[in-house]
Amino acid sequence: MFEKLCSLRPMWYQIGKINEQVREIMRGHPEGVHFVCYSQGGLLCRGIVSSMNHNVHNFISLSSPQAGQYGNPHHQTLYRNYSVFLSHLDGSTPSPNMSEYKRNFLKLHRLVLIGGPDDDVVTPWQSSHFSFYDENENVVEMKKQKFFQDDSFGLQTLYNKKRVHIHTFPGVVHKKWYANRTVFNSAILPYLT
């Protein structure tokens, strides 16, 4: 739907258009659906599960920069002031929709985060596990992130309920995640039943 240059359209615009199709799929499957979302698609899926009343059971995020894609850690104030997407979803920027985002995110049965150190696109690769740089460019793990500690969108709640599953696979470059049989058999297939 949003291939090539169309993927540069604003994220909320893309989510609005995708939501129309997702609603139809969910209506056809009232027993629930799973999301398997790759790279930037993982951010779109996160926006969908946060912003709509959904019946997604498992959200599998495959090499997706859930805590951001590099983003200059020395200019986080600018990020918070001008980001209209990710900073609103993670609570870094106040949003009137934050309680809705959290309520919807907490409907997930499982959140599966997949990434690895040889990903040559997601920077830092640990962003696929909700970790990110501090101002000194040291990677700060998910549990030490402010959005986790504040439980701003429900990540800590899901984690404490053992509904967050983190998988790390070395030796997989970014363009190969979706085709890697080991990744599929170990970290995707078990969550599709």
N, C-alpha and C. Protein backbone atom coordinates (compact mmCIF):
# COMPACT_ATOMS: atom_id res chain seq x y z
N MET A 1 0.82 -1.19 0.00
CA MET A 1 0.00 0.00 0.00
C MET A 1 0.87 1.26 0.00
N PHE A 2 1.89 1.31 0.85
CA PHE A 2 2.77 2.47 0.92
C PHE A 2 4.19 2.02 0.60
N GLU A 3 4.41 1.70 -0.66
CA GLU A 3 5.72 1.22 -1.08
C GLU A 3 6.57 2.36 -1.60
N LYS A 4 7.87 2.15 -1.61
CA LYS A 4 8.86 3.08 -2.15
C LYS A 4 8.65 4.48 -1.57
N LEU A 5 8.54 5.50 -2.42
CA LEU A 5 8.43 6.87 -1.92
C LEU A 5 7.16 7.11 -1.11
N CYS A 6 6.14 6.33 -1.36
CA CYS A 6 4.90 6.48 -0.59
C CYS A 6 5.13 6.18 0.89
N SER A 7 6.18 5.40 1.20
CA SER A 7 6.47 5.09 2.60
C SER A 7 6.97 6.32 3.36
N LEU A 8 7.23 7.41 2.64
CA LEU A 8 7.66 8.66 3.28
C LEU A 8 6.48 9.54 3.68
N ARG A 9 5.28 9.13 3.35
CA ARG A 9 4.10 9.90 3.77
C ARG A 9 4.06 9.90 5.30
N PRO A 10 3.45 10.90 5.90
CA PRO A 10 3.39 10.94 7.37
C PRO A 10 2.80 9.64 7.94
N MET A 11 3.39 9.19 9.04
CA MET A 11 2.98 7.92 9.64
C MET A 11 1.50 7.91 10.01
N TRP A 12 0.99 8.98 10.59
CA TRP A 12 -0.42 8.99 10.98
C TRP A 12 -1.33 8.92 9.75
N TYR A 13 -0.91 9.50 8.64
CA TYR A 13 -1.67 9.39 7.39
C TYR A 13 -1.72 7.92 6.95
N GLN A 14 -0.55 7.27 6.94
CA GLN A 14 -0.49 5.86 6.54
C GLN A 14 -1.36 5.00 7.45
N ILE A 15 -1.27 5.25 8.74
CA ILE A 15 -2.06 4.47 9.70
C ILE A 15 -3.55 4.65 9.45
N GLY A 16 -3.96 5.89 9.18
CA GLY A 16 -5.37 6.15 8.90
C GLY A 16 -5.88 5.34 7.71
N LYS A 17 -5.09 5.27 6.67
CA LYS A 17 -5.48 4.51 5.48
C LYS A 17 -5.45 3.01 5.73
N ILE A 18 -4.43 2.55 6.43
CA ILE A 18 -4.31 1.12 6.72
C ILE A 18 -5.41 0.67 7.68
N ASN A 19 -5.78 1.54 8.62
CA ASN A 19 -6.84 1.20 9.59
C ASN A 19 -8.13 0.78 8.89
N GLU A 20 -8.45 1.44 7.78
CA GLU A 20 -9.67 1.10 7.05
C GLU A 20 -9.66 -0.37 6.63
N GLN A 21 -8.54 -0.83 6.12
CA GLN A 21 -8.43 -2.23 5.69
C GLN A 21 -8.34 -3.18 6.87
N VAL A 22 -7.62 -2.77 7.90
CA VAL A 22 -7.46 -3.62 9.09
C VAL A 22 -8.81 -3.85 9.77
N ARG A 23 -9.63 -2.82 9.85
CA ARG A 23 -10.96 -2.96 10.46
C ARG A 23 -11.78 -4.04 9.75
N GLU A 24 -11.72 -4.05 8.43
CA GLU A 24 -12.44 -5.06 7.66
C GLU A 24 -11.93 -6.47 7.98
N ILE A 25 -10.63 -6.62 8.06
CA ILE A 25 -10.05 -7.93 8.38
C ILE A 25 -10.48 -8.36 9.78
N MET A 26 -10.44 -7.43 10.74
CA MET A 26 -10.83 -7.77 12.11
C MET A 26 -12.31 -8.13 12.21
N ARG A 27 -13.15 -7.43 11.45
CA ARG A 27 -14.58 -7.77 11.44
C ARG A 27 -14.78 -9.20 10.94
N GLY A 28 -13.97 -9.61 9.99
CA GLY A 28 -14.07 -10.96 9.43
C GLY A 28 -13.48 -12.03 10.33
N HIS A 29 -12.74 -11.60 11.35
CA HIS A 29 -12.09 -12.53 12.28
C HIS A 29 -12.29 -12.06 13.72
N PRO A 30 -13.53 -12.12 14.20
CA PRO A 30 -13.80 -11.63 15.56
C PRO A 30 -13.08 -12.42 16.66
N GLU A 31 -12.60 -13.63 16.33
CA GLU A 31 -11.87 -14.43 17.32
C GLU A 31 -10.47 -13.88 17.57
N GLY A 32 -10.01 -12.95 16.73
CA GLY A 32 -8.71 -12.32 16.93
C GLY A 32 -7.76 -12.55 15.77
N VAL A 33 -6.79 -11.66 15.66
CA VAL A 33 -5.78 -11.72 14.61
C VAL A 33 -4.39 -11.54 15.22
N HIS A 34 -3.38 -11.82 14.42
CA HIS A 34 -1.99 -11.58 14.81
C HIS A 34 -1.39 -10.59 13.83
N PHE A 35 -0.50 -9.75 14.30
CA PHE A 35 0.28 -8.86 13.44
C PHE A 35 1.71 -9.35 13.40
N VAL A 36 2.25 -9.54 12.22
CA VAL A 36 3.67 -9.79 12.02
C VAL A 36 4.15 -8.61 11.18
N CYS A 37 4.96 -7.75 11.77
CA CYS A 37 5.28 -6.47 11.15
C CYS A 37 6.78 -6.26 11.12
N TYR A 38 7.27 -5.89 9.94
CA TYR A 38 8.71 -5.84 9.68
C TYR A 38 9.17 -4.40 9.45
N SER A 39 10.28 -4.05 10.07
CA SER A 39 10.96 -2.78 9.87
C SER A 39 10.01 -1.61 10.16
N GLN A 40 9.89 -0.66 9.23
CA GLN A 40 8.99 0.47 9.46
C GLN A 40 7.55 0.01 9.65
N GLY A 41 7.21 -1.13 9.07
CA GLY A 41 5.88 -1.68 9.26
C GLY A 41 5.58 -1.97 10.72
N GLY A 42 6.62 -2.27 11.50
CA GLY A 42 6.43 -2.49 12.93
C GLY A 42 5.99 -1.23 13.65
N LEU A 43 6.46 -0.08 13.19
CA LEU A 43 6.01 1.19 13.77
C LEU A 43 4.58 1.49 13.36
N LEU A 44 4.24 1.18 12.11
CA LEU A 44 2.86 1.35 11.67
C LEU A 44 1.93 0.46 12.49
N CYS A 45 2.33 -0.78 12.68
CA CYS A 45 1.50 -1.70 13.48
C CYS A 45 1.37 -1.23 14.92
N ARG A 46 2.44 -0.70 15.46
CA ARG A 46 2.35 -0.17 16.83
C ARG A 46 1.38 1.00 16.88
N GLY A 47 1.42 1.86 15.88
CA GLY A 47 0.46 2.95 15.82
C GLY A 47 -0.97 2.45 15.72
N ILE A 48 -1.17 1.37 14.97
CA ILE A 48 -2.51 0.80 14.83
C ILE A 48 -2.98 0.21 16.15
N VAL A 49 -2.16 -0.63 16.79
CA VAL A 49 -2.61 -1.26 18.04
C VAL A 49 -2.76 -0.24 19.16
N SER A 50 -2.09 0.89 19.04
CA SER A 50 -2.22 1.92 20.07
C SER A 50 -3.43 2.82 19.84
N SER A 51 -3.79 3.03 18.58
CA SER A 51 -4.79 4.06 18.29
C SER A 51 -6.18 3.53 17.94
N MET A 52 -6.34 2.23 17.79
CA MET A 52 -7.67 1.75 17.45
C MET A 52 -8.13 0.63 18.39
N ASN A 53 -9.43 0.51 18.51
CA ASN A 53 -10.02 -0.59 19.27
C ASN A 53 -9.82 -1.84 18.41
N HIS A 54 -8.98 -2.75 18.85
CA HIS A 54 -8.55 -3.87 18.01
C HIS A 54 -8.76 -5.21 18.70
N ASN A 55 -8.59 -6.26 17.92
CA ASN A 55 -8.61 -7.62 18.48
C ASN A 55 -7.32 -8.36 18.11
N VAL A 56 -6.20 -7.62 18.13
CA VAL A 56 -4.89 -8.22 17.86
C VAL A 56 -4.45 -8.99 19.09
N HIS A 57 -4.19 -10.26 18.93
CA HIS A 57 -3.71 -11.07 20.05
C HIS A 57 -2.21 -10.90 20.21
N ASN A 58 -1.45 -11.21 19.16
CA ASN A 58 0.01 -11.15 19.24
C ASN A 58 0.54 -10.17 18.21
N PHE A 59 1.36 -9.25 18.68
CA PHE A 59 2.04 -8.28 17.81
C PHE A 59 3.50 -8.70 17.76
N ILE A 60 3.92 -9.20 16.61
CA ILE A 60 5.29 -9.65 16.41
C ILE A 60 6.02 -8.55 15.64
N SER A 61 6.96 -7.92 16.30
CA SER A 61 7.71 -6.80 15.74
C SER A 61 9.08 -7.31 15.29
N LEU A 62 9.27 -7.39 13.99
CA LEU A 62 10.46 -7.99 13.40
C LEU A 62 11.41 -6.90 12.92
N SER A 63 12.51 -6.73 13.65
CA SER A 63 13.54 -5.75 13.31
C SER A 63 12.93 -4.38 13.04
N SER A 64 12.18 -3.91 14.00
CA SER A 64 11.51 -2.62 13.89
C SER A 64 12.05 -1.69 14.97
N PRO A 65 12.39 -0.45 14.62
CA PRO A 65 13.00 0.47 15.59
C PRO A 65 11.97 1.04 16.56
N GLN A 66 11.47 0.22 17.46
CA GLN A 66 10.39 0.63 18.35
C GLN A 66 10.78 1.78 19.28
N ALA A 67 12.05 1.94 19.58
CA ALA A 67 12.48 3.07 20.42
C ALA A 67 13.08 4.19 19.58
N GLY A 68 12.98 4.08 18.27
CA GLY A 68 13.49 5.13 17.39
C GLY A 68 14.62 4.64 16.51
N GLN A 69 14.84 5.35 15.44
CA GLN A 69 15.91 5.04 14.49
C GLN A 69 16.98 6.11 14.60
N TYR A 70 18.07 5.75 15.17
CA TYR A 70 19.18 6.62 15.57
C TYR A 70 18.64 7.87 16.23
N GLY A 71 18.15 8.84 15.53
CA GLY A 71 17.68 10.04 16.21
C GLY A 71 18.80 10.58 17.07
N ASN A 72 19.22 11.76 16.84
CA ASN A 72 20.38 12.30 17.53
C ASN A 72 20.13 12.36 19.03
N PRO A 73 20.82 11.53 19.81
CA PRO A 73 20.59 11.51 21.25
C PRO A 73 21.01 12.80 21.94
N HIS A 74 21.74 13.65 21.23
CA HIS A 74 22.18 14.93 21.80
C HIS A 74 21.11 16.01 21.64
N HIS A 75 20.04 15.73 20.91
CA HIS A 75 19.01 16.74 20.64
C HIS A 75 17.61 16.18 20.92
N GLN A 76 17.46 15.56 22.06
CA GLN A 76 16.17 14.95 22.39
C GLN A 76 15.07 15.99 22.61
N THR A 77 15.43 17.19 23.03
CA THR A 77 14.42 18.24 23.19
C THR A 77 13.80 18.57 21.83
N LEU A 78 14.62 18.69 20.80
CA LEU A 78 14.10 18.92 19.45
C LEU A 78 13.19 17.77 19.02
N TYR A 79 13.62 16.55 19.32
CA TYR A 79 12.81 15.38 18.98
C TYR A 79 11.43 15.48 19.64
N ARG A 80 11.41 15.77 20.91
CA ARG A 80 10.14 15.85 21.63
C ARG A 80 9.28 17.00 21.11
N ASN A 81 9.91 18.10 20.73
CA ASN A 81 9.15 19.26 20.27
C ASN A 81 8.59 19.10 18.87
N TYR A 82 9.26 18.31 18.02
CA TYR A 82 8.85 18.25 16.62
C TYR A 82 8.36 16.89 16.15
N SER A 83 8.57 15.86 16.91
CA SER A 83 8.06 14.55 16.52
C SER A 83 6.55 14.52 16.72
N VAL A 84 5.85 14.09 15.70
CA VAL A 84 4.39 14.01 15.82
C VAL A 84 3.91 12.56 15.84
N PHE A 85 4.86 11.63 15.90
CA PHE A 85 4.47 10.23 15.89
C PHE A 85 5.02 9.47 17.09
N LEU A 86 6.26 9.03 17.01
CA LEU A 86 6.81 8.13 18.02
C LEU A 86 6.84 8.75 19.41
N SER A 87 7.19 10.01 19.51
CA SER A 87 7.24 10.64 20.83
C SER A 87 5.85 10.71 21.47
N HIS A 88 4.81 10.75 20.65
CA HIS A 88 3.44 10.74 21.19
C HIS A 88 3.05 9.33 21.64
N LEU A 89 3.47 8.32 20.86
CA LEU A 89 3.14 6.94 21.23
C LEU A 89 3.84 6.50 22.51
N ASP A 90 5.10 6.95 22.70
CA ASP A 90 5.83 6.50 23.88
C ASP A 90 5.69 7.43 25.08
N GLY A 91 4.97 8.52 24.91
CA GLY A 91 4.72 9.42 26.03
C GLY A 91 5.81 10.44 26.27
N SER A 92 6.82 10.53 25.40
CA SER A 92 7.86 11.54 25.56
C SER A 92 7.30 12.94 25.38
N THR A 93 6.30 13.04 24.52
CA THR A 93 5.59 14.29 24.28
C THR A 93 4.16 14.09 24.77
N PRO A 94 3.64 15.00 25.57
CA PRO A 94 2.27 14.84 26.05
C PRO A 94 1.28 14.71 24.89
N SER A 95 0.37 13.80 25.01
CA SER A 95 -0.65 13.59 23.99
C SER A 95 -2.00 13.44 24.68
N PRO A 96 -3.03 14.10 24.15
CA PRO A 96 -4.36 13.93 24.74
C PRO A 96 -4.89 12.50 24.56
N ASN A 97 -4.23 11.72 23.70
CA ASN A 97 -4.67 10.35 23.43
C ASN A 97 -3.91 9.30 24.22
N MET A 98 -3.05 9.71 25.14
CA MET A 98 -2.17 8.76 25.82
C MET A 98 -2.92 7.66 26.56
N SER A 99 -4.00 8.00 27.24
CA SER A 99 -4.73 6.95 27.97
C SER A 99 -5.36 5.96 27.00
N GLU A 100 -5.82 6.44 25.85
CA GLU A 100 -6.36 5.55 24.82
C GLU A 100 -5.26 4.65 24.25
N TYR A 101 -4.08 5.24 23.98
CA TYR A 101 -2.97 4.45 23.46
C TYR A 101 -2.61 3.33 24.43
N LYS A 102 -2.56 3.65 25.70
CA LYS A 102 -2.20 2.65 26.71
C LYS A 102 -3.27 1.57 26.82
N ARG A 103 -4.52 1.99 26.89
CA ARG A 103 -5.62 1.03 27.00
C ARG A 103 -5.61 0.05 25.81
N ASN A 104 -5.41 0.57 24.62
CA ASN A 104 -5.39 -0.28 23.43
C ASN A 104 -4.16 -1.18 23.39
N PHE A 105 -3.00 -0.64 23.75
CA PHE A 105 -1.76 -1.42 23.75
C PHE A 105 -1.87 -2.60 24.72
N LEU A 106 -2.51 -2.36 25.84
CA LEU A 106 -2.64 -3.41 26.87
C LEU A 106 -3.60 -4.52 26.47
N LYS A 107 -4.32 -4.36 25.37
CA LYS A 107 -5.18 -5.44 24.88
C LYS A 107 -4.37 -6.58 24.27
N LEU A 108 -3.11 -6.31 23.94
CA LEU A 108 -2.27 -7.35 23.34
C LEU A 108 -2.12 -8.52 24.30
N HIS A 109 -2.21 -9.72 23.77
CA HIS A 109 -1.92 -10.91 24.57
C HIS A 109 -0.41 -11.07 24.71
N ARG A 110 0.30 -10.83 23.59
CA ARG A 110 1.76 -10.92 23.61
C ARG A 110 2.36 -9.88 22.68
N LEU A 111 3.50 -9.36 23.11
CA LEU A 111 4.34 -8.50 22.29
C LEU A 111 5.65 -9.24 22.08
N VAL A 112 5.99 -9.52 20.83
CA VAL A 112 7.20 -10.27 20.51
C VAL A 112 8.16 -9.32 19.80
N LEU A 113 9.33 -9.13 20.40
CA LEU A 113 10.33 -8.20 19.88
C LEU A 113 11.52 -8.99 19.36
N ILE A 114 11.82 -8.83 18.07
CA ILE A 114 12.88 -9.60 17.43
C ILE A 114 13.90 -8.65 16.81
N GLY A 115 15.17 -8.88 17.12
CA GLY A 115 16.25 -8.08 16.54
C GLY A 115 17.58 -8.76 16.76
N GLY A 116 18.64 -8.12 16.28
CA GLY A 116 19.96 -8.71 16.46
C GLY A 116 21.09 -7.78 16.12
N PRO A 117 22.29 -8.09 16.62
CA PRO A 117 23.44 -7.20 16.52
C PRO A 117 24.01 -7.01 15.12
N ASP A 118 23.63 -7.83 14.17
CA ASP A 118 24.16 -7.68 12.82
C ASP A 118 23.17 -6.97 11.88
N ASP A 119 22.09 -6.46 12.45
CA ASP A 119 21.17 -5.64 11.66
C ASP A 119 21.93 -4.41 11.22
N ASP A 120 22.00 -4.19 9.93
CA ASP A 120 22.79 -3.08 9.40
C ASP A 120 21.95 -1.86 9.04
N VAL A 121 20.72 -1.80 9.52
CA VAL A 121 19.85 -0.64 9.29
C VAL A 121 19.37 -0.05 10.60
N VAL A 122 18.74 -0.84 11.45
CA VAL A 122 18.21 -0.33 12.72
C VAL A 122 19.39 0.04 13.62
N THR A 123 19.42 1.31 14.03
CA THR A 123 20.53 1.84 14.82
C THR A 123 20.00 2.62 16.01
N PRO A 124 20.32 2.23 17.22
CA PRO A 124 21.02 1.00 17.57
C PRO A 124 20.10 -0.20 17.33
N TRP A 125 20.69 -1.33 17.08
CA TRP A 125 19.86 -2.51 16.81
C TRP A 125 18.95 -2.83 17.98
N GLN A 126 19.37 -2.45 19.19
CA GLN A 126 18.59 -2.73 20.39
C GLN A 126 17.26 -1.96 20.42
N SER A 127 17.11 -0.99 19.53
CA SER A 127 15.83 -0.30 19.43
C SER A 127 14.71 -1.27 19.09
N SER A 128 15.06 -2.37 18.44
CA SER A 128 14.06 -3.40 18.15
C SER A 128 13.55 -4.07 19.42
N HIS A 129 14.25 -3.84 20.53
CA HIS A 129 13.85 -4.35 21.85
C HIS A 129 13.49 -3.20 22.79
N PHE A 130 13.14 -2.04 22.24
CA PHE A 130 12.78 -0.84 23.00
C PHE A 130 13.94 -0.27 23.82
N SER A 131 15.17 -0.53 23.43
CA SER A 131 16.34 0.09 24.06
C SER A 131 16.81 1.22 23.15
N PHE A 132 17.55 2.18 23.71
CA PHE A 132 18.00 3.30 22.88
C PHE A 132 19.20 3.98 23.51
N TYR A 133 19.79 4.91 22.77
CA TYR A 133 20.95 5.66 23.23
C TYR A 133 20.59 6.66 24.32
N ASP A 134 21.56 6.90 25.22
CA ASP A 134 21.48 8.06 26.10
C ASP A 134 22.27 9.18 25.43
N GLU A 135 22.43 10.31 26.12
CA GLU A 135 23.12 11.47 25.53
C GLU A 135 24.60 11.20 25.25
N ASN A 136 25.17 10.15 25.83
CA ASN A 136 26.56 9.78 25.57
C ASN A 136 26.70 8.64 24.55
N GLU A 137 25.59 8.31 23.92
CA GLU A 137 25.52 7.24 22.91
C GLU A 137 25.80 5.86 23.48
N ASN A 138 25.50 5.68 24.77
CA ASN A 138 25.50 4.35 25.37
C ASN A 138 24.08 3.81 25.25
N VAL A 139 23.96 2.54 24.95
CA VAL A 139 22.63 1.95 24.82
C VAL A 139 22.05 1.71 26.21
N VAL A 140 20.85 2.22 26.41
CA VAL A 140 20.13 2.06 27.67
C VAL A 140 19.03 1.03 27.43
N GLU A 141 19.04 -0.04 28.21
CA GLU A 141 18.08 -1.12 27.99
C GLU A 141 16.65 -0.68 28.27
N MET A 142 15.72 -1.44 27.72
CA MET A 142 14.30 -1.14 27.81
C MET A 142 13.84 -0.82 29.23
N LYS A 143 14.21 -1.65 30.20
CA LYS A 143 13.69 -1.47 31.56
C LYS A 143 14.19 -0.20 32.23
N LYS A 144 15.21 0.44 31.65
CA LYS A 144 15.73 1.69 32.21
C LYS A 144 15.27 2.91 31.42
N GLN A 145 14.46 2.68 30.40
CA GLN A 145 13.92 3.79 29.62
C GLN A 145 12.80 4.47 30.41
N LYS A 146 12.72 5.77 30.28
CA LYS A 146 11.70 6.53 31.02
C LYS A 146 10.29 6.04 30.68
N PHE A 147 10.02 5.78 29.39
CA PHE A 147 8.67 5.34 29.02
C PHE A 147 8.33 3.99 29.64
N PHE A 148 9.34 3.16 29.92
CA PHE A 148 9.09 1.88 30.59
C PHE A 148 8.84 2.12 32.07
N GLN A 149 9.72 2.88 32.71
CA GLN A 149 9.61 3.13 34.15
C GLN A 149 8.32 3.87 34.50
N ASP A 150 7.90 4.79 33.62
CA ASP A 150 6.64 5.51 33.84
C ASP A 150 5.43 4.70 33.39
N ASP A 151 5.67 3.61 32.69
CA ASP A 151 4.62 2.78 32.10
C ASP A 151 3.65 3.63 31.29
N SER A 152 4.20 4.57 30.54
CA SER A 152 3.38 5.56 29.85
C SER A 152 2.43 4.95 28.82
N PHE A 153 2.83 3.87 28.15
CA PHE A 153 1.91 3.26 27.18
C PHE A 153 1.64 1.79 27.48
N GLY A 154 2.06 1.31 28.65
CA GLY A 154 1.71 -0.04 29.09
C GLY A 154 2.78 -1.09 28.89
N LEU A 155 3.96 -0.70 28.42
CA LEU A 155 5.02 -1.69 28.18
C LEU A 155 5.45 -2.38 29.47
N GLN A 156 5.60 -1.63 30.54
CA GLN A 156 5.99 -2.24 31.81
C GLN A 156 4.92 -3.21 32.31
N THR A 157 3.67 -2.84 32.17
CA THR A 157 2.58 -3.72 32.59
C THR A 157 2.63 -5.03 31.81
N LEU A 158 2.76 -4.94 30.48
CA LEU A 158 2.86 -6.17 29.68
C LEU A 158 4.06 -7.00 30.10
N TYR A 159 5.18 -6.34 30.33
CA TYR A 159 6.41 -7.03 30.72
C TYR A 159 6.22 -7.75 32.06
N ASN A 160 5.66 -7.06 33.03
CA ASN A 160 5.45 -7.65 34.35
C ASN A 160 4.48 -8.82 34.32
N LYS A 161 3.59 -8.82 33.35
CA LYS A 161 2.64 -9.93 33.19
C LYS A 161 3.22 -11.04 32.31
N LYS A 162 4.52 -10.92 31.99
CA LYS A 162 5.22 -11.91 31.17
C LYS A 162 4.60 -12.05 29.78
N ARG A 163 4.15 -10.91 29.24
CA ARG A 163 3.55 -10.90 27.91
C ARG A 163 4.47 -10.24 26.88
N VAL A 164 5.70 -9.91 27.28
CA VAL A 164 6.71 -9.40 26.35
C VAL A 164 7.76 -10.48 26.17
N HIS A 165 8.01 -10.84 24.93
CA HIS A 165 8.97 -11.89 24.60
C HIS A 165 10.04 -11.29 23.70
N ILE A 166 11.29 -11.35 24.14
CA ILE A 166 12.39 -10.73 23.43
C ILE A 166 13.29 -11.81 22.84
N HIS A 167 13.56 -11.69 21.55
CA HIS A 167 14.40 -12.66 20.84
C HIS A 167 15.55 -11.92 20.16
N THR A 168 16.76 -12.44 20.32
CA THR A 168 17.96 -11.87 19.70
C THR A 168 18.59 -12.92 18.80
N PHE A 169 18.86 -12.53 17.56
CA PHE A 169 19.49 -13.44 16.59
C PHE A 169 20.69 -12.76 15.97
N PRO A 170 21.91 -13.23 16.27
CA PRO A 170 23.08 -12.69 15.57
C PRO A 170 23.13 -13.24 14.14
N GLY A 171 23.88 -12.55 13.30
CA GLY A 171 24.12 -13.04 11.95
C GLY A 171 23.03 -12.76 10.94
N VAL A 172 22.05 -11.93 11.29
CA VAL A 172 20.97 -11.62 10.35
C VAL A 172 21.04 -10.13 10.00
N VAL A 173 21.24 -9.83 8.72
CA VAL A 173 21.23 -8.44 8.28
C VAL A 173 19.78 -8.02 8.03
N HIS A 174 19.56 -6.72 7.96
CA HIS A 174 18.20 -6.19 7.95
C HIS A 174 17.33 -6.77 6.83
N LYS A 175 17.84 -6.85 5.64
CA LYS A 175 17.02 -7.31 4.51
C LYS A 175 16.75 -8.81 4.52
N LYS A 176 17.27 -9.53 5.49
CA LYS A 176 17.11 -10.98 5.53
C LYS A 176 16.21 -11.47 6.65
N TRP A 177 15.73 -10.57 7.51
CA TRP A 177 14.93 -11.00 8.66
C TRP A 177 13.71 -11.82 8.25
N TYR A 178 12.95 -11.30 7.32
CA TYR A 178 11.68 -11.93 6.98
C TYR A 178 11.84 -13.29 6.29
N ALA A 179 13.03 -13.58 5.77
CA ALA A 179 13.25 -14.84 5.05
C ALA A 179 14.07 -15.85 5.84
N ASN A 180 14.46 -15.52 7.06
CA ASN A 180 15.32 -16.40 7.85
C ASN A 180 14.47 -17.49 8.52
N ARG A 181 14.72 -18.74 8.16
CA ARG A 181 13.91 -19.86 8.68
C ARG A 181 14.09 -20.05 10.18
N THR A 182 15.31 -19.85 10.68
CA THR A 182 15.54 -19.99 12.13
C THR A 182 14.72 -18.96 12.89
N VAL A 183 14.74 -17.73 12.43
CA VAL A 183 13.94 -16.67 13.06
C VAL A 183 12.46 -17.04 13.01
N PHE A 184 12.00 -17.45 11.84
CA PHE A 184 10.58 -17.80 11.69
C PHE A 184 10.18 -18.95 12.61
N ASN A 185 10.95 -20.02 12.58
CA ASN A 185 10.59 -21.21 13.36
C ASN A 185 10.71 -20.99 14.86
N SER A 186 11.66 -20.16 15.29
CA SER A 186 11.91 -19.96 16.72
C SER A 186 11.12 -18.83 17.34
N ALA A 187 10.90 -17.75 16.58
CA ALA A 187 10.37 -16.53 17.20
C ALA A 187 9.10 -15.99 16.57
N ILE A 188 8.63 -16.61 15.51
CA ILE A 188 7.38 -16.16 14.89
C ILE A 188 6.32 -17.25 14.95
N LEU A 189 6.61 -18.40 14.37
CA LEU A 189 5.64 -19.49 14.29
C LEU A 189 5.03 -19.87 15.64
N PRO A 190 5.81 -19.97 16.73
CA PRO A 190 5.19 -20.35 18.01
C PRO A 190 4.12 -19.38 18.51
N TYR A 191 4.13 -18.14 18.01
CA TYR A 191 3.16 -17.14 18.47
C TYR A 191 1.98 -16.99 17.52
N LEU A 192 1.91 -17.82 16.50
CA LEU A 192 0.82 -17.73 15.53
C LEU A 192 -0.28 -18.74 15.78
N THR A 193 -0.18 -19.48 16.88
CA THR A 193 -1.21 -20.49 17.16
C THR A 193 -2.08 -20.06 18.32
